Amino acid sequence: MSDSVRNPDNNSRLTPTDSPCVAVCSTLYDDICRGCGRTAMEVANWVFLSEEEKRAVWVRIKAQGYPRRKS
């Protein structure tokens, strides 16, 4: 698997350390953020996750159609 994923906003590559946050947080009210697709625990602990854990989150959220930005 590649060490980066495609950024849908500008076609650049993102490394797993890049946060998928799109500043549309809903984790106060939802179990899964409507903007980035992460759980509240993943959002809160992002800086503490290993590269492998971050990569796994990116793979899951991309497969689910996240991150989402309003167009």
Protein backbone atom coordinates (compact mmCIF):
# COMPACT_ATOMS: atom_id res chain seq x y z
CA MET A 1 0.00 0.00 0.00
CA SER A 2 1.22 3.51 -0.71
CA ASP A 3 2.30 5.73 2.17
CA SER A 4 0.04 8.51 0.99
CA VAL A 5 -3.51 9.08 -0.19
CA ARG A 6 -4.87 11.48 -2.79
CA ASN A 7 -6.26 14.78 -1.47
CA PRO A 8 -9.60 15.20 -3.30
CA ASP A 9 -9.53 18.98 -2.96
CA ASN A 10 -6.37 19.70 -4.92
CA ASN A 11 -5.15 16.34 -6.26
CA SER A 12 -2.03 16.44 -4.05
CA ARG A 13 -0.80 13.54 -1.95
CA LEU A 14 -1.41 13.38 1.79
CA THR A 15 0.76 11.42 4.17
CA PRO A 16 -0.90 9.40 6.95
CA THR A 17 0.20 12.03 9.47
CA ASP A 18 -1.98 14.61 7.72
CA SER A 19 -5.25 14.96 9.55
CA PRO A 20 -8.40 14.26 7.50
CA CYS A 21 -10.15 17.11 9.32
CA VAL A 22 -12.19 19.38 7.03
CA ALA A 23 -13.38 21.74 9.81
CA VAL A 24 -16.94 20.40 9.74
CA CYS A 25 -16.84 18.74 13.16
CA SER A 26 -19.93 16.99 14.46
CA THR A 27 -18.40 14.69 17.10
CA LEU A 28 -20.16 16.62 19.87
CA TYR A 29 -23.47 15.22 18.59
CA ASP A 30 -22.50 12.22 16.45
CA ASP A 31 -20.49 9.05 17.03
CA ILE A 32 -18.84 9.54 13.63
CA CYS A 33 -17.85 13.01 12.43
CA ARG A 34 -19.90 14.05 9.38
CA GLY A 35 -16.92 15.92 7.95
CA CYS A 36 -13.97 13.54 8.25
CA GLY A 37 -15.56 10.20 9.14
CA ARG A 38 -13.46 9.61 12.25
CA THR A 39 -14.79 8.61 15.64
CA ALA A 40 -14.56 11.11 18.49
CA MET A 41 -11.74 9.02 19.97
CA GLU A 42 -9.81 9.06 16.69
CA VAL A 43 -10.20 12.83 16.45
CA ALA A 44 -9.12 13.39 20.06
CA ASN A 45 -6.16 11.01 19.88
CA TRP A 46 -4.94 11.65 16.31
CA VAL A 47 -1.59 13.09 17.43
CA PHE A 48 -0.95 9.99 19.56
CA LEU A 49 -1.77 7.37 16.89
CA SER A 50 1.07 5.52 15.18
CA GLU A 51 1.65 5.92 11.44
CA GLU A 52 0.11 2.47 10.91
CA GLU A 53 -3.00 3.39 12.93
CA LYS A 54 -3.40 6.66 11.02
CA ARG A 55 -3.00 4.85 7.72
CA ALA A 56 -5.71 2.35 8.74
CA VAL A 57 -8.07 5.23 9.63
CA TRP A 58 -7.38 6.89 6.25
CA VAL A 59 -8.09 3.65 4.39
CA ARG A 60 -11.38 3.15 6.25
CA ILE A 61 -12.66 6.70 5.88
CA LYS A 62 -11.70 6.91 2.18
CA ALA A 63 -13.58 3.64 1.55
CA GLN A 64 -16.62 5.20 3.26
CA GLY A 65 -16.50 8.35 1.14
CA TYR A 66 -14.80 10.69 3.60
CA PRO A 67 -13.49 13.29 4.14
CA ARG A 68 -16.40 15.39 2.90
CA ARG A 69 -16.34 19.10 2.18
CA LYS A 70 -19.35 21.23 1.40
CA SER A 71 -19.29 22.27 -2.24
